[in-house]
């Protein structure tokens, strides 16, 4: 995901960095392990396919990947590849749930497991998602909403004309009309489809 392409997240025990080409060879060597392939439900890839995968993860807007580095090793060596211990991924394209996302964590190096580093990777990723990705989306939505309201003092709502909808209540405070989708009519008149927003 391009949104995290220049992001470095520093925790207590680990550091998260974007998955770049320099990480691919070590990542590929991890994924030769039958244990990791089974634990991650992955298929073995050639090195060339691994480079293609890294590039697609970088380009796709529905995936966010960080490589997990051991903070102490990074401090001692100043070498990201030597410091690599795993990865953490966010997938926004769950076909079973359009409103959901999936987070996966892999601590590939067994000597770094059961030390709280996977938990910290999860918490750092969640913090990043809610402070950056969700915030940016909400900011974009809010600005779009404000622009629409500023340009249109009167909002035309053709959905209110549909006979399969009725208006059970109107809330004046936010100029919001609640709609119920059913074929029953309460016998009342269909409301005017234009509403003034203060």
N, C-alpha and C. Protein backbone atom coordinates (compact mmCIF):
# COMPACT_ATOMS: atom_id res chain seq x y z
N UNK A 1 0.85 -1.17 0.00
CA UNK A 1 0.00 0.00 0.00
C UNK A 1 0.90 1.23 0.00
N UNK A 2 0.63 2.12 -0.91
CA UNK A 2 1.48 3.30 -1.04
C UNK A 2 1.38 4.21 0.18
N UNK A 3 0.26 4.15 0.88
CA UNK A 3 0.06 5.04 2.03
C UNK A 3 1.12 4.82 3.11
N UNK A 4 1.67 3.62 3.21
CA UNK A 4 2.68 3.36 4.24
C UNK A 4 4.09 3.25 3.67
N UNK A 5 4.29 3.67 2.42
CA UNK A 5 5.57 3.46 1.74
C UNK A 5 6.73 4.20 2.39
N UNK A 6 6.47 5.22 3.15
CA UNK A 6 7.53 5.98 3.83
C UNK A 6 7.35 5.97 5.34
N UNK A 7 6.59 5.01 5.84
CA UNK A 7 6.25 4.98 7.26
C UNK A 7 7.15 4.01 8.02
N UNK A 8 7.68 4.47 9.13
CA UNK A 8 8.46 3.63 10.04
C UNK A 8 7.82 3.77 11.41
N UNK A 9 7.46 2.64 12.02
CA UNK A 9 6.78 2.67 13.32
C UNK A 9 7.69 2.01 14.35
N UNK A 10 8.05 2.76 15.37
CA UNK A 10 8.98 2.27 16.39
C UNK A 10 8.21 1.92 17.65
N UNK A 11 8.36 0.67 18.08
CA UNK A 11 7.74 0.20 19.32
C UNK A 11 8.80 -0.03 20.38
N UNK A 12 8.43 -0.75 21.44
CA UNK A 12 9.38 -1.05 22.52
C UNK A 12 10.38 -2.12 22.12
N UNK A 13 9.89 -3.20 21.47
CA UNK A 13 10.74 -4.33 21.12
C UNK A 13 10.98 -4.47 19.62
N UNK A 14 10.11 -3.85 18.84
CA UNK A 14 10.17 -4.03 17.39
C UNK A 14 10.07 -2.70 16.66
N UNK A 15 10.38 -2.75 15.38
CA UNK A 15 10.22 -1.62 14.47
C UNK A 15 9.51 -2.17 13.23
N UNK A 16 8.50 -1.45 12.76
CA UNK A 16 7.80 -1.84 11.53
C UNK A 16 8.26 -0.94 10.40
N UNK A 17 8.65 -1.56 9.29
CA UNK A 17 9.06 -0.81 8.09
C UNK A 17 8.31 -1.37 6.89
N UNK A 18 8.09 -0.55 5.85
CA UNK A 18 7.41 -1.07 4.66
C UNK A 18 8.19 -2.21 4.01
N UNK A 19 7.48 -3.14 3.43
CA UNK A 19 8.09 -4.28 2.73
C UNK A 19 8.65 -3.78 1.41
N UNK A 20 9.98 -3.80 1.30
CA UNK A 20 10.66 -3.29 0.09
C UNK A 20 11.47 -4.41 -0.55
N UNK A 21 11.99 -4.11 -1.72
CA UNK A 21 12.76 -5.10 -2.48
C UNK A 21 13.95 -5.65 -1.69
N UNK A 22 14.56 -4.84 -0.83
CA UNK A 22 15.73 -5.32 -0.07
C UNK A 22 15.37 -6.45 0.89
N UNK A 23 14.09 -6.57 1.22
CA UNK A 23 13.63 -7.59 2.17
C UNK A 23 13.25 -8.92 1.50
N UNK A 24 13.08 -8.91 0.18
CA UNK A 24 12.47 -10.05 -0.51
C UNK A 24 13.27 -11.34 -0.37
N UNK A 25 14.59 -11.29 -0.54
CA UNK A 25 15.37 -12.54 -0.50
C UNK A 25 15.25 -13.24 0.86
N UNK A 26 15.34 -12.48 1.95
CA UNK A 26 15.22 -13.11 3.27
C UNK A 26 13.79 -13.62 3.47
N UNK A 27 12.82 -12.82 3.07
CA UNK A 27 11.42 -13.24 3.18
C UNK A 27 11.21 -14.54 2.41
N UNK A 28 11.76 -14.59 1.20
CA UNK A 28 11.63 -15.78 0.36
C UNK A 28 12.28 -17.00 1.04
N UNK A 29 13.41 -16.79 1.68
CA UNK A 29 14.07 -17.92 2.37
C UNK A 29 13.20 -18.44 3.52
N UNK A 30 12.51 -17.52 4.23
CA UNK A 30 11.58 -17.96 5.28
C UNK A 30 10.50 -18.86 4.69
N UNK A 31 9.99 -18.43 3.54
CA UNK A 31 8.83 -19.11 2.96
C UNK A 31 9.19 -20.42 2.26
N UNK A 32 10.41 -20.88 2.43
CA UNK A 32 10.80 -22.22 1.98
C UNK A 32 10.51 -23.24 3.08
N UNK A 33 10.21 -22.75 4.28
CA UNK A 33 9.95 -23.62 5.42
C UNK A 33 8.55 -24.24 5.30
N UNK A 34 8.46 -25.57 5.27
CA UNK A 34 7.14 -26.21 5.24
C UNK A 34 6.26 -25.79 6.42
N UNK A 35 6.88 -25.58 7.59
CA UNK A 35 6.12 -25.16 8.78
C UNK A 35 5.47 -23.80 8.55
N UNK A 36 6.23 -22.82 8.04
CA UNK A 36 5.67 -21.49 7.80
C UNK A 36 4.63 -21.51 6.69
N UNK A 37 4.88 -22.31 5.66
CA UNK A 37 3.89 -22.42 4.59
C UNK A 37 2.56 -22.94 5.13
N UNK A 38 2.65 -23.93 6.01
CA UNK A 38 1.43 -24.49 6.61
C UNK A 38 0.77 -23.49 7.55
N UNK A 39 1.57 -22.86 8.42
CA UNK A 39 1.01 -21.92 9.40
C UNK A 39 0.37 -20.70 8.74
N UNK A 40 0.90 -20.28 7.60
CA UNK A 40 0.38 -19.09 6.92
C UNK A 40 -0.56 -19.44 5.77
N UNK A 41 -0.82 -20.72 5.57
CA UNK A 41 -1.67 -21.19 4.46
C UNK A 41 -1.19 -20.61 3.14
N UNK A 42 0.13 -20.65 2.93
CA UNK A 42 0.75 -20.09 1.74
C UNK A 42 1.22 -21.19 0.80
N UNK A 43 1.38 -20.81 -0.44
CA UNK A 43 1.95 -21.69 -1.45
C UNK A 43 3.40 -21.26 -1.68
N UNK A 44 4.30 -22.21 -1.96
CA UNK A 44 5.68 -21.81 -2.24
C UNK A 44 5.76 -21.02 -3.54
N UNK A 45 6.57 -19.97 -3.54
CA UNK A 45 6.77 -19.13 -4.72
C UNK A 45 8.23 -19.16 -5.12
N UNK A 46 8.49 -18.93 -6.40
CA UNK A 46 9.87 -18.75 -6.85
C UNK A 46 10.32 -17.37 -6.39
N UNK A 47 11.62 -17.12 -6.44
CA UNK A 47 12.13 -15.81 -6.04
C UNK A 47 11.54 -14.72 -6.94
N UNK A 48 11.42 -15.01 -8.22
CA UNK A 48 10.84 -14.04 -9.15
C UNK A 48 9.38 -13.74 -8.77
N UNK A 49 8.62 -14.77 -8.44
CA UNK A 49 7.23 -14.58 -8.01
C UNK A 49 7.16 -13.78 -6.71
N UNK A 50 8.12 -14.00 -5.82
CA UNK A 50 8.15 -13.26 -4.55
C UNK A 50 8.37 -11.77 -4.80
N UNK A 51 9.26 -11.44 -5.76
CA UNK A 51 9.47 -10.03 -6.12
C UNK A 51 8.19 -9.43 -6.71
N UNK A 52 7.49 -10.20 -7.54
CA UNK A 52 6.22 -9.73 -8.11
C UNK A 52 5.19 -9.51 -7.00
N UNK A 53 5.16 -10.41 -6.03
CA UNK A 53 4.22 -10.30 -4.91
C UNK A 53 4.53 -9.04 -4.09
N UNK A 54 5.80 -8.82 -3.80
CA UNK A 54 6.19 -7.62 -3.05
C UNK A 54 5.73 -6.37 -3.78
N UNK A 55 5.93 -6.33 -5.09
CA UNK A 55 5.53 -5.17 -5.87
C UNK A 55 4.01 -4.99 -5.85
N UNK A 56 3.28 -6.09 -5.97
CA UNK A 56 1.81 -5.97 -5.94
C UNK A 56 1.33 -5.49 -4.58
N UNK A 57 1.96 -5.97 -3.49
CA UNK A 57 1.58 -5.49 -2.16
C UNK A 57 1.86 -4.00 -2.02
N UNK A 58 2.93 -3.55 -2.65
CA UNK A 58 3.27 -2.13 -2.59
C UNK A 58 2.26 -1.30 -3.38
N UNK A 59 1.85 -1.79 -4.54
CA UNK A 59 0.97 -1.04 -5.43
C UNK A 59 -0.50 -1.12 -5.05
N UNK A 60 -0.94 -2.23 -4.47
CA UNK A 60 -2.37 -2.42 -4.16
C UNK A 60 -2.84 -1.47 -3.08
N UNK A 61 -4.04 -0.92 -3.28
CA UNK A 61 -4.63 -0.03 -2.29
C UNK A 61 -5.37 -0.78 -1.19
N UNK A 62 -5.51 -2.09 -1.34
CA UNK A 62 -6.28 -2.86 -0.36
C UNK A 62 -5.41 -3.73 0.53
N UNK A 63 -4.09 -3.51 0.50
CA UNK A 63 -3.17 -4.27 1.35
C UNK A 63 -2.16 -3.31 1.98
N UNK A 64 -1.82 -3.57 3.21
CA UNK A 64 -0.82 -2.77 3.91
C UNK A 64 0.12 -3.75 4.61
N UNK A 65 1.39 -3.74 4.23
CA UNK A 65 2.35 -4.70 4.75
C UNK A 65 3.54 -4.00 5.38
N UNK A 66 3.91 -4.47 6.55
CA UNK A 66 5.14 -4.02 7.22
C UNK A 66 6.00 -5.24 7.51
N UNK A 67 7.30 -5.06 7.41
CA UNK A 67 8.25 -6.06 7.87
C UNK A 67 8.53 -5.75 9.34
N UNK A 68 8.55 -6.78 10.16
CA UNK A 68 8.82 -6.63 11.60
C UNK A 68 10.32 -6.81 11.81
N UNK A 69 10.94 -5.80 12.42
CA UNK A 69 12.36 -5.84 12.73
C UNK A 69 12.54 -5.92 14.24
N UNK A 70 13.55 -6.65 14.68
CA UNK A 70 13.90 -6.66 16.09
C UNK A 70 14.63 -5.35 16.39
N UNK A 71 14.13 -4.59 17.35
CA UNK A 71 14.66 -3.26 17.63
C UNK A 71 16.11 -3.31 18.11
N UNK A 72 16.43 -4.27 18.99
CA UNK A 72 17.80 -4.37 19.51
C UNK A 72 18.80 -4.73 18.41
N UNK A 73 18.43 -5.71 17.58
CA UNK A 73 19.33 -6.11 16.49
C UNK A 73 19.52 -4.95 15.52
N UNK A 74 18.45 -4.22 15.23
CA UNK A 74 18.55 -3.07 14.33
C UNK A 74 19.48 -2.01 14.92
N UNK A 75 19.37 -1.77 16.23
CA UNK A 75 20.22 -0.78 16.89
C UNK A 75 21.69 -1.20 16.81
N UNK A 76 21.96 -2.49 17.01
CA UNK A 76 23.33 -2.99 16.98
C UNK A 76 23.92 -3.02 15.57
N UNK A 77 23.12 -3.44 14.59
CA UNK A 77 23.66 -3.68 13.24
C UNK A 77 23.36 -2.57 12.24
N UNK A 78 22.30 -1.80 12.49
CA UNK A 78 21.80 -0.80 11.54
C UNK A 78 21.50 -1.44 10.18
N UNK A 79 21.11 -2.71 10.21
CA UNK A 79 20.84 -3.47 8.99
C UNK A 79 19.42 -4.04 9.07
N UNK A 80 18.53 -3.52 8.23
CA UNK A 80 17.13 -3.98 8.25
C UNK A 80 17.01 -5.46 7.93
N UNK A 81 17.75 -5.93 6.94
CA UNK A 81 17.63 -7.34 6.53
C UNK A 81 18.05 -8.26 7.66
N UNK A 82 19.16 -7.94 8.32
CA UNK A 82 19.61 -8.76 9.44
C UNK A 82 18.64 -8.72 10.61
N UNK A 83 17.90 -7.62 10.74
CA UNK A 83 16.97 -7.41 11.86
C UNK A 83 15.59 -8.01 11.62
N UNK A 84 15.33 -8.51 10.42
CA UNK A 84 13.99 -9.03 10.08
C UNK A 84 13.63 -10.24 10.92
N UNK A 85 12.41 -10.21 11.49
CA UNK A 85 11.92 -11.37 12.24
C UNK A 85 10.54 -11.83 11.77
N UNK A 86 9.85 -11.02 10.96
CA UNK A 86 8.52 -11.41 10.50
C UNK A 86 7.84 -10.30 9.72
N UNK A 87 6.53 -10.41 9.61
CA UNK A 87 5.75 -9.38 8.93
C UNK A 87 4.36 -9.29 9.54
N UNK A 88 3.71 -8.17 9.25
CA UNK A 88 2.32 -7.96 9.67
C UNK A 88 1.60 -7.33 8.47
N UNK A 89 0.41 -7.86 8.18
CA UNK A 89 -0.32 -7.45 6.98
C UNK A 89 -1.76 -7.09 7.31
N UNK A 90 -2.27 -6.12 6.59
CA UNK A 90 -3.68 -5.75 6.65
C UNK A 90 -4.26 -5.92 5.26
N UNK A 91 -5.35 -6.67 5.17
CA UNK A 91 -6.05 -6.87 3.90
C UNK A 91 -7.44 -6.27 4.04
N UNK A 92 -7.77 -5.36 3.13
CA UNK A 92 -9.07 -4.70 3.18
C UNK A 92 -10.08 -5.35 2.24
N UNK A 93 -9.70 -6.41 1.58
CA UNK A 93 -10.57 -6.98 0.54
C UNK A 93 -11.12 -8.34 0.92
N UNK A 94 -11.69 -8.45 2.07
CA UNK A 94 -12.30 -9.71 2.49
C UNK A 94 -13.58 -9.92 1.69
N UNK A 95 -13.62 -10.92 0.80
CA UNK A 95 -14.81 -11.10 -0.05
C UNK A 95 -16.05 -11.49 0.74
N UNK A 96 -15.88 -12.04 1.94
CA UNK A 96 -17.03 -12.43 2.75
C UNK A 96 -17.59 -11.29 3.58
N UNK A 97 -16.84 -10.19 3.69
CA UNK A 97 -17.28 -9.07 4.52
C UNK A 97 -16.74 -7.78 3.94
N UNK A 98 -17.56 -7.08 3.16
CA UNK A 98 -17.12 -5.85 2.51
C UNK A 98 -16.78 -4.76 3.51
N UNK A 99 -17.30 -4.86 4.73
CA UNK A 99 -17.03 -3.85 5.75
C UNK A 99 -15.89 -4.26 6.68
N UNK A 100 -15.25 -5.36 6.42
CA UNK A 100 -14.23 -5.88 7.33
C UNK A 100 -12.84 -5.83 6.75
N UNK A 101 -11.92 -6.23 7.57
CA UNK A 101 -10.52 -6.31 7.17
C UNK A 101 -9.90 -7.50 7.91
N UNK A 102 -8.75 -7.89 7.45
CA UNK A 102 -8.06 -9.03 8.06
C UNK A 102 -6.63 -8.60 8.37
N UNK A 103 -6.16 -8.93 9.56
CA UNK A 103 -4.77 -8.67 9.93
C UNK A 103 -4.09 -10.01 10.16
N UNK A 104 -2.91 -10.16 9.57
CA UNK A 104 -2.12 -11.37 9.76
C UNK A 104 -0.75 -10.99 10.31
N UNK A 105 -0.26 -11.80 11.21
CA UNK A 105 1.06 -11.58 11.81
C UNK A 105 1.86 -12.86 11.64
N UNK A 106 3.10 -12.71 11.25
CA UNK A 106 3.99 -13.87 11.18
C UNK A 106 5.32 -13.50 11.84
N UNK A 107 5.67 -14.20 12.89
CA UNK A 107 7.02 -14.10 13.45
C UNK A 107 7.74 -15.33 12.90
N UNK A 108 8.50 -15.12 11.84
CA UNK A 108 9.11 -16.22 11.10
C UNK A 108 10.30 -16.82 11.84
N UNK A 109 11.04 -15.99 12.54
CA UNK A 109 12.23 -16.46 13.25
C UNK A 109 11.80 -17.06 14.59
N UNK A 110 11.92 -18.39 14.75
CA UNK A 110 11.45 -19.04 15.98
C UNK A 110 12.08 -18.50 17.26
N UNK A 111 13.30 -17.98 17.18
CA UNK A 111 13.95 -17.46 18.39
C UNK A 111 13.31 -16.18 18.90
N UNK A 112 12.42 -15.59 18.11
CA UNK A 112 11.75 -14.34 18.52
C UNK A 112 10.28 -14.57 18.87
N UNK A 113 9.84 -15.81 18.88
CA UNK A 113 8.44 -16.12 19.21
C UNK A 113 8.26 -16.19 20.73
N UNK A 114 7.03 -16.00 21.16
CA UNK A 114 6.65 -16.06 22.58
C UNK A 114 7.39 -15.04 23.43
N UNK A 115 7.67 -13.89 22.83
CA UNK A 115 8.36 -12.82 23.55
C UNK A 115 7.57 -11.52 23.48
N UNK A 116 6.31 -11.61 23.03
CA UNK A 116 5.46 -10.43 22.96
C UNK A 116 5.65 -9.60 21.70
N UNK A 117 6.50 -10.05 20.79
CA UNK A 117 6.77 -9.25 19.59
C UNK A 117 5.63 -9.32 18.58
N UNK A 118 4.98 -10.46 18.48
CA UNK A 118 3.81 -10.58 17.61
C UNK A 118 2.66 -9.73 18.12
N UNK A 119 2.44 -9.76 19.42
CA UNK A 119 1.39 -8.95 20.04
C UNK A 119 1.67 -7.47 19.81
N UNK A 120 2.93 -7.07 19.98
CA UNK A 120 3.27 -5.66 19.77
C UNK A 120 3.08 -5.28 18.30
N UNK A 121 3.42 -6.19 17.37
CA UNK A 121 3.22 -5.92 15.95
C UNK A 121 1.73 -5.70 15.65
N UNK A 122 0.88 -6.53 16.25
CA UNK A 122 -0.57 -6.39 16.07
C UNK A 122 -1.05 -5.04 16.60
N UNK A 123 -0.64 -4.69 17.81
CA UNK A 123 -1.09 -3.44 18.42
C UNK A 123 -0.58 -2.22 17.65
N UNK A 124 0.67 -2.27 17.19
CA UNK A 124 1.20 -1.15 16.40
C UNK A 124 0.45 -1.02 15.07
N UNK A 125 0.14 -2.15 14.44
CA UNK A 125 -0.61 -2.11 13.18
C UNK A 125 -2.00 -1.55 13.40
N UNK A 126 -2.68 -2.00 14.45
CA UNK A 126 -4.02 -1.47 14.74
C UNK A 126 -3.98 0.03 15.01
N UNK A 127 -3.01 0.46 15.79
CA UNK A 127 -2.87 1.90 16.06
C UNK A 127 -2.64 2.67 14.76
N UNK A 128 -1.78 2.13 13.91
CA UNK A 128 -1.50 2.78 12.63
C UNK A 128 -2.76 2.85 11.77
N UNK A 129 -3.49 1.75 11.69
CA UNK A 129 -4.70 1.72 10.87
C UNK A 129 -5.70 2.77 11.35
N UNK A 130 -5.94 2.83 12.65
CA UNK A 130 -6.95 3.76 13.14
C UNK A 130 -6.46 5.20 13.18
N UNK A 131 -5.17 5.42 13.33
CA UNK A 131 -4.68 6.79 13.39
C UNK A 131 -4.36 7.35 12.01
N UNK A 132 -4.13 6.49 11.03
CA UNK A 132 -3.74 6.97 9.70
C UNK A 132 -4.78 6.64 8.64
N UNK A 133 -4.97 5.36 8.39
CA UNK A 133 -5.83 4.96 7.28
C UNK A 133 -7.28 5.35 7.54
N UNK A 134 -7.83 4.99 8.69
CA UNK A 134 -9.22 5.32 9.00
C UNK A 134 -9.39 6.83 9.14
N UNK A 135 -8.44 7.48 9.80
CA UNK A 135 -8.51 8.93 9.95
C UNK A 135 -8.54 9.62 8.59
N UNK A 136 -7.65 9.18 7.67
CA UNK A 136 -7.61 9.78 6.33
C UNK A 136 -8.93 9.57 5.60
N UNK A 137 -9.52 8.36 5.73
CA UNK A 137 -10.79 8.09 5.09
C UNK A 137 -11.89 8.98 5.66
N UNK A 138 -11.94 9.08 6.99
CA UNK A 138 -12.97 9.90 7.62
C UNK A 138 -12.80 11.37 7.27
N UNK A 139 -11.55 11.82 7.19
CA UNK A 139 -11.28 13.21 6.81
C UNK A 139 -11.76 13.46 5.38
N UNK A 140 -11.46 12.54 4.48
CA UNK A 140 -11.90 12.66 3.09
C UNK A 140 -13.42 12.68 3.02
N UNK A 141 -14.08 11.75 3.72
CA UNK A 141 -15.53 11.68 3.73
C UNK A 141 -16.13 12.98 4.30
N UNK A 142 -15.58 13.46 5.41
CA UNK A 142 -16.09 14.67 6.04
C UNK A 142 -15.94 15.87 5.11
N UNK A 143 -14.78 16.00 4.47
CA UNK A 143 -14.56 17.12 3.56
C UNK A 143 -15.48 17.05 2.35
N UNK A 144 -15.71 15.84 1.84
CA UNK A 144 -16.63 15.66 0.73
C UNK A 144 -18.04 16.04 1.16
N UNK A 145 -18.45 15.58 2.34
CA UNK A 145 -19.78 15.89 2.87
C UNK A 145 -19.95 17.40 3.04
N UNK A 146 -18.96 18.07 3.60
CA UNK A 146 -19.02 19.53 3.79
C UNK A 146 -19.12 20.24 2.45
N UNK A 147 -18.38 19.75 1.45
CA UNK A 147 -18.42 20.36 0.13
C UNK A 147 -19.80 20.23 -0.49
N UNK A 148 -20.40 19.06 -0.38
CA UNK A 148 -21.74 18.85 -0.91
C UNK A 148 -22.74 19.77 -0.22
N UNK A 149 -22.65 19.87 1.10
CA UNK A 149 -23.57 20.74 1.83
C UNK A 149 -23.37 22.20 1.48
N UNK A 150 -22.12 22.61 1.29
CA UNK A 150 -21.84 24.00 0.97
C UNK A 150 -22.36 24.36 -0.42
N UNK A 151 -22.25 23.44 -1.35
CA UNK A 151 -22.68 23.71 -2.72
C UNK A 151 -24.19 23.58 -2.89
N UNK A 152 -24.82 22.78 -2.08
CA UNK A 152 -26.25 22.51 -2.22
C UNK A 152 -26.98 22.85 -0.94
N UNK A 153 -27.50 24.05 -0.89
CA UNK A 153 -28.27 24.43 0.30
C UNK A 153 -29.55 23.60 0.39
N UNK A 154 -30.04 23.16 -0.76
CA UNK A 154 -31.21 22.30 -0.78
C UNK A 154 -30.77 20.95 -1.34
N UNK A 155 -31.08 19.89 -0.63
CA UNK A 155 -30.72 18.55 -1.07
C UNK A 155 -31.96 17.89 -1.66
N UNK A 156 -31.87 17.47 -2.91
CA UNK A 156 -32.97 16.75 -3.54
C UNK A 156 -32.79 15.27 -3.23
N UNK A 157 -33.84 14.64 -2.78
CA UNK A 157 -33.75 13.25 -2.38
C UNK A 157 -34.82 12.43 -3.11
N UNK A 158 -34.50 11.95 -4.34
CA UNK A 158 -35.51 11.20 -5.09
C UNK A 158 -35.91 9.89 -4.43
N UNK A 159 -35.10 9.37 -3.54
CA UNK A 159 -35.45 8.11 -2.86
C UNK A 159 -36.73 8.27 -2.05
N UNK A 160 -37.02 9.47 -1.60
CA UNK A 160 -38.22 9.69 -0.81
C UNK A 160 -39.49 9.55 -1.65
N UNK A 161 -39.36 9.64 -2.96
CA UNK A 161 -40.52 9.51 -3.83
C UNK A 161 -40.91 8.05 -4.06
N UNK A 162 -40.01 7.13 -3.78
CA UNK A 162 -40.29 5.72 -4.03
C UNK A 162 -41.42 5.24 -3.12
N UNK A 163 -42.37 4.54 -3.69
CA UNK A 163 -43.52 4.09 -2.91
C UNK A 163 -43.16 3.00 -1.91
N UNK A 164 -42.02 2.33 -2.12
CA UNK A 164 -41.64 1.27 -1.19
C UNK A 164 -40.97 1.81 0.07
N UNK A 165 -40.81 3.11 0.16
CA UNK A 165 -40.23 3.71 1.35
C UNK A 165 -41.28 4.58 2.03
N UNK A 166 -41.23 4.60 3.32
CA UNK A 166 -42.07 5.55 4.05
C UNK A 166 -41.18 6.26 5.05
N UNK A 167 -41.59 7.39 5.51
CA UNK A 167 -40.76 8.17 6.43
C UNK A 167 -41.32 8.08 7.83
N UNK A 168 -40.75 7.20 8.68
CA UNK A 168 -41.27 7.06 10.03
C UNK A 168 -40.94 8.25 10.92
N UNK A 169 -39.84 8.92 10.66
CA UNK A 169 -39.51 10.07 11.50
C UNK A 169 -38.53 10.98 10.76
N UNK A 170 -38.58 12.22 11.09
CA UNK A 170 -37.64 13.19 10.56
C UNK A 170 -36.97 13.87 11.73
N UNK A 171 -35.66 13.99 11.68
CA UNK A 171 -34.94 14.65 12.76
C UNK A 171 -34.50 16.01 12.28
N UNK A 172 -35.06 17.04 12.85
CA UNK A 172 -34.79 18.40 12.43
C UNK A 172 -33.36 18.83 12.71
N UNK A 173 -32.79 18.36 13.80
CA UNK A 173 -31.48 18.82 14.22
C UNK A 173 -30.43 18.64 13.14
N UNK A 174 -30.42 17.51 12.50
CA UNK A 174 -29.40 17.25 11.48
C UNK A 174 -30.02 17.11 10.09
N UNK A 175 -31.27 17.51 9.94
CA UNK A 175 -31.97 17.39 8.67
C UNK A 175 -31.81 16.00 8.08
N UNK A 176 -32.17 15.02 8.84
CA UNK A 176 -32.00 13.63 8.44
C UNK A 176 -33.36 12.97 8.39
N UNK A 177 -33.59 12.19 7.36
CA UNK A 177 -34.85 11.46 7.25
C UNK A 177 -34.52 9.98 7.33
N UNK A 178 -35.18 9.27 8.23
CA UNK A 178 -34.99 7.82 8.32
C UNK A 178 -35.93 7.13 7.36
N UNK A 179 -35.46 6.11 6.65
CA UNK A 179 -36.29 5.39 5.69
C UNK A 179 -36.35 3.92 6.06
N UNK A 180 -37.52 3.34 5.93
CA UNK A 180 -37.68 1.90 6.10
C UNK A 180 -38.05 1.32 4.74
N UNK A 181 -37.36 0.28 4.32
CA UNK A 181 -37.67 -0.36 3.04
C UNK A 181 -38.70 -1.44 3.28
N UNK A 182 -39.94 -1.15 2.91
CA UNK A 182 -40.99 -2.16 2.94
C UNK A 182 -42.08 -1.73 1.98
N UNK A 183 -42.97 -2.59 1.69
CA UNK A 183 -44.02 -2.27 0.73
C UNK A 183 -45.30 -1.79 1.39
N UNK A 184 -45.28 -1.63 2.69
CA UNK A 184 -46.47 -1.17 3.39
C UNK A 184 -46.47 0.36 3.42
N UNK A 185 -47.61 0.90 3.23
CA UNK A 185 -47.74 2.34 3.32
C UNK A 185 -48.56 2.66 4.55
N UNK A 186 -48.18 3.72 5.24
CA UNK A 186 -48.96 4.09 6.42
C UNK A 186 -50.14 4.97 6.01
N UNK A 187 -50.32 5.12 4.70
CA UNK A 187 -51.47 5.87 4.21
C UNK A 187 -51.24 7.37 4.18
N UNK A 188 -50.16 7.82 4.75
CA UNK A 188 -49.87 9.25 4.76
C UNK A 188 -49.32 9.71 3.42
N UNK A 189 -49.29 11.01 3.23
CA UNK A 189 -48.79 11.54 1.97
C UNK A 189 -47.28 11.31 1.85
N UNK A 190 -46.83 11.17 0.62
CA UNK A 190 -45.39 11.07 0.37
C UNK A 190 -44.82 12.46 0.56
N UNK A 191 -43.79 12.61 1.39
CA UNK A 191 -43.28 13.94 1.68
C UNK A 191 -42.62 14.58 0.47
N UNK A 192 -42.56 15.91 0.51
CA UNK A 192 -41.85 16.67 -0.51
C UNK A 192 -40.41 16.16 -0.54
N UNK A 193 -39.86 15.98 -1.75
CA UNK A 193 -38.53 15.37 -1.86
C UNK A 193 -37.40 16.37 -1.69
N UNK A 194 -37.70 17.62 -1.49
CA UNK A 194 -36.61 18.57 -1.24
C UNK A 194 -36.66 19.01 0.21
N UNK A 195 -35.49 19.09 0.80
CA UNK A 195 -35.39 19.50 2.20
C UNK A 195 -34.36 20.60 2.30
N UNK A 196 -34.64 21.59 3.05
CA UNK A 196 -33.67 22.65 3.27
C UNK A 196 -32.77 22.24 4.42
N UNK A 197 -31.46 22.38 4.21
CA UNK A 197 -30.50 22.08 5.27
C UNK A 197 -29.96 23.39 5.79
N UNK A 198 -30.07 23.57 7.09
CA UNK A 198 -29.63 24.82 7.70
C UNK A 198 -28.13 24.87 7.83
